[in-house]
Amino acid sequence: MSRPSTAVEEQSARSGTVDDAFAIGVDAGVFEALSEAVAVPVRAVCFWAAVALPFLYVPLLFGGLKGSEDVVFVGLLAANAVALFAGHAHRR
């Protein structure tokens, strides 16, 4: 026969999950509204960063990649890829 679980055991089994927010009384609608309120501006900034970052390639490529500029160029490419991925859903 199994013994009934205690509230402490149930809480420790749920710790570290999204359900914790609901266990302390946060309404699901509030959580979704808050996450959407944060996501919309982040998507917008990432979208416009993806548009603007390629303009920074021009001076690097025009002068040639010397010294540590190749690291900067690769960093710009990576930042542009992240911005494209994060901002692709802007205004959809």
C-alpha atoms as a PDB file:
ATOM      1  CA  MET A   1       0.000   0.000   0.000  1.00  0.00           C
ATOM      2  CA  SER A   2       1.289   3.443  -0.809  1.00  0.00           C
ATOM      3  CA  ARG A   3       1.152   6.249   1.654  1.00  0.00           C
ATOM      4  CA  PRO A   4      -0.517   9.571   0.770  1.00  0.00           C
ATOM      5  CA  SER A   5       1.906  12.247  -0.346  1.00  0.00           C
ATOM      6  CA  THR A   6       2.403  15.326   1.756  1.00  0.00           C
ATOM      7  CA  ALA A   7       2.201  18.923   0.616  1.00  0.00           C
ATOM      8  CA  VAL A   8       5.975  19.283   1.031  1.00  0.00           C
ATOM      9  CA  GLU A   9       6.641  16.323  -1.263  1.00  0.00           C
ATOM     10  CA  GLU A  10       4.232  17.677  -3.883  1.00  0.00           C
ATOM     11  CA  GLN A  11       5.839  21.129  -3.720  1.00  0.00           C
ATOM     12  CA  SER A  12       9.352  19.716  -4.092  1.00  0.00           C
ATOM     13  CA  ALA A  13       8.233  17.608  -7.046  1.00  0.00           C
ATOM     14  CA  ARG A  14       6.890  20.716  -8.786  1.00  0.00           C
ATOM     15  CA  SER A  15       9.728  23.102  -7.975  1.00  0.00           C
ATOM     16  CA  GLY A  16      11.473  24.617 -10.966  1.00  0.00           C
ATOM     17  CA  THR A  17       8.473  24.432 -13.305  1.00  0.00           C
ATOM     18  CA  VAL A  18       6.079  26.973 -14.708  1.00  0.00           C
ATOM     19  CA  ASP A  19       3.385  25.447 -12.526  1.00  0.00           C
ATOM     20  CA  ASP A  20       5.070  27.152  -9.546  1.00  0.00           C
ATOM     21  CA  ALA A  21       3.705  30.471 -10.744  1.00  0.00           C
ATOM     22  CA  PHE A  22       0.197  29.063 -10.693  1.00  0.00           C
ATOM     23  CA  ALA A  23       0.739  27.307  -7.358  1.00  0.00           C
ATOM     24  CA  ILE A  24       1.327  30.660  -5.662  1.00  0.00           C
ATOM     25  CA  GLY A  25      -1.859  32.130  -7.103  1.00  0.00           C
ATOM     26  CA  VAL A  26      -0.756  33.863 -10.302  1.00  0.00           C
ATOM     27  CA  ASP A  27      -3.551  33.833 -12.848  1.00  0.00           C
ATOM     28  CA  ALA A  28      -2.667  32.284 -16.221  1.00  0.00           C
ATOM     29  CA  GLY A  29      -3.986  35.344 -18.056  1.00  0.00           C
ATOM     30  CA  VAL A  30      -1.719  37.676 -16.097  1.00  0.00           C
ATOM     31  CA  PHE A  31       1.293  35.487 -16.813  1.00  0.00           C
ATOM     32  CA  GLU A  32       0.525  35.380 -20.546  1.00  0.00           C
ATOM     33  CA  ALA A  33      -0.157  39.122 -20.724  1.00  0.00           C
ATOM     34  CA  LEU A  34       3.105  39.894 -18.962  1.00  0.00           C
ATOM     35  CA  SER A  35       5.104  37.602 -21.224  1.00  0.00           C
ATOM     36  CA  GLU A  36       3.475  39.115 -24.321  1.00  0.00           C
ATOM     37  CA  ALA A  37       4.111  42.645 -23.008  1.00  0.00           C
ATOM     38  CA  VAL A  38       7.809  41.788 -22.833  1.00  0.00           C
ATOM     39  CA  ALA A  39       7.968  39.808 -26.079  1.00  0.00           C
ATOM     40  CA  VAL A  40       6.483  42.482 -28.360  1.00  0.00           C
ATOM     41  CA  PRO A  41       9.142  45.166 -27.741  1.00  0.00           C
ATOM     42  CA  VAL A  42      11.948  42.588 -27.799  1.00  0.00           C
ATOM     43  CA  ARG A  43      10.736  41.325 -31.199  1.00  0.00           C
ATOM     44  CA  ALA A  44      10.547  44.895 -32.512  1.00  0.00           C
ATOM     45  CA  VAL A  45      14.066  45.764 -31.348  1.00  0.00           C
ATOM     46  CA  CYS A  46      15.455  42.536 -32.811  1.00  0.00           C
ATOM     47  CA  PHE A  47      13.688  43.138 -36.128  1.00  0.00           C
ATOM     48  CA  TRP A  48      15.120  46.628 -36.511  1.00  0.00           C
ATOM     49  CA  ALA A  49      18.538  45.480 -35.324  1.00  0.00           C
ATOM     50  CA  ALA A  50      18.470  42.845 -38.077  1.00  0.00           C
ATOM     51  CA  VAL A  51      17.722  45.631 -40.556  1.00  0.00           C
ATOM     52  CA  ALA A  52      20.431  47.995 -39.269  1.00  0.00           C
ATOM     53  CA  LEU A  53      23.325  45.618 -38.529  1.00  0.00           C
ATOM     54  CA  PRO A  54      24.266  44.982 -42.184  1.00  0.00           C
ATOM     55  CA  PHE A  55      25.144  48.671 -42.533  1.00  0.00           C
ATOM     56  CA  LEU A  56      27.980  48.062 -40.079  1.00  0.00           C
ATOM     57  CA  TYR A  57      29.508  45.496 -42.447  1.00  0.00           C
ATOM     58  CA  VAL A  58      30.279  48.144 -45.072  1.00  0.00           C
ATOM     59  CA  PRO A  59      33.129  49.979 -43.291  1.00  0.00           C
ATOM     60  CA  LEU A  60      34.654  46.680 -42.182  1.00  0.00           C
ATOM     61  CA  LEU A  61      34.611  45.197 -45.656  1.00  0.00           C
ATOM     62  CA  PHE A  62      35.590  48.441 -47.418  1.00  0.00           C
ATOM     63  CA  GLY A  63      38.803  48.787 -45.406  1.00  0.00           C
ATOM     64  CA  GLY A  64      39.575  45.098 -45.461  1.00  0.00           C
ATOM     65  CA  LEU A  65      39.610  42.794 -42.479  1.00  0.00           C
ATOM     66  CA  LYS A  66      42.900  43.322 -40.647  1.00  0.00           C
ATOM     67  CA  GLY A  67      43.997  42.216 -37.237  1.00  0.00           C
ATOM     68  CA  SER A  68      41.091  41.517 -34.922  1.00  0.00           C
ATOM     69  CA  GLU A  69      38.476  42.946 -37.308  1.00  0.00           C
ATOM     70  CA  ASP A  70      37.686  39.439 -38.521  1.00  0.00           C
ATOM     71  CA  VAL A  71      36.461  38.613 -35.000  1.00  0.00           C
ATOM     72  CA  VAL A  72      34.296  41.748 -35.035  1.00  0.00           C
ATOM     73  CA  PHE A  73      32.896  40.781 -38.443  1.00  0.00           C
ATOM     74  CA  VAL A  74      32.009  37.268 -37.287  1.00  0.00           C
ATOM     75  CA  GLY A  75      30.446  38.749 -34.148  1.00  0.00           C
ATOM     76  CA  LEU A  76      28.324  41.070 -36.278  1.00  0.00           C
ATOM     77  CA  LEU A  77      27.222  38.133 -38.417  1.00  0.00           C
ATOM     78  CA  ALA A  78      26.270  36.169 -35.316  1.00  0.00           C
ATOM     79  CA  ALA A  79      24.399  39.132 -33.828  1.00  0.00           C
ATOM     80  CA  ASN A  80      22.550  39.603 -37.104  1.00  0.00           C
ATOM     81  CA  ALA A  81      21.577  35.918 -37.202  1.00  0.00           C
ATOM     82  CA  VAL A  82      20.234  36.106 -33.633  1.00  0.00           C
ATOM     83  CA  ALA A  83      18.349  39.321 -34.413  1.00  0.00           C
ATOM     84  CA  LEU A  84      16.837  37.765 -37.544  1.00  0.00           C
ATOM     85  CA  PHE A  85      15.690  34.725 -35.598  1.00  0.00           C
ATOM     86  CA  ALA A  86      14.254  36.694 -32.665  1.00  0.00           C
ATOM     87  CA  GLY A  87      12.649  39.436 -34.743  1.00  0.00           C
ATOM     88  CA  HIS A  88      11.158  37.415 -37.581  1.00  0.00           C
ATOM     89  CA  ALA A  89       7.658  37.437 -36.029  1.00  0.00           C
ATOM     90  CA  HIS A  90       7.490  41.227 -35.607  1.00  0.00           C
ATOM     91  CA  ARG A  91       4.125  42.617 -36.771  1.00  0.00           C
ATOM     92  CA  ARG A  92       2.706  39.259 -37.834  1.00  0.00           C
END
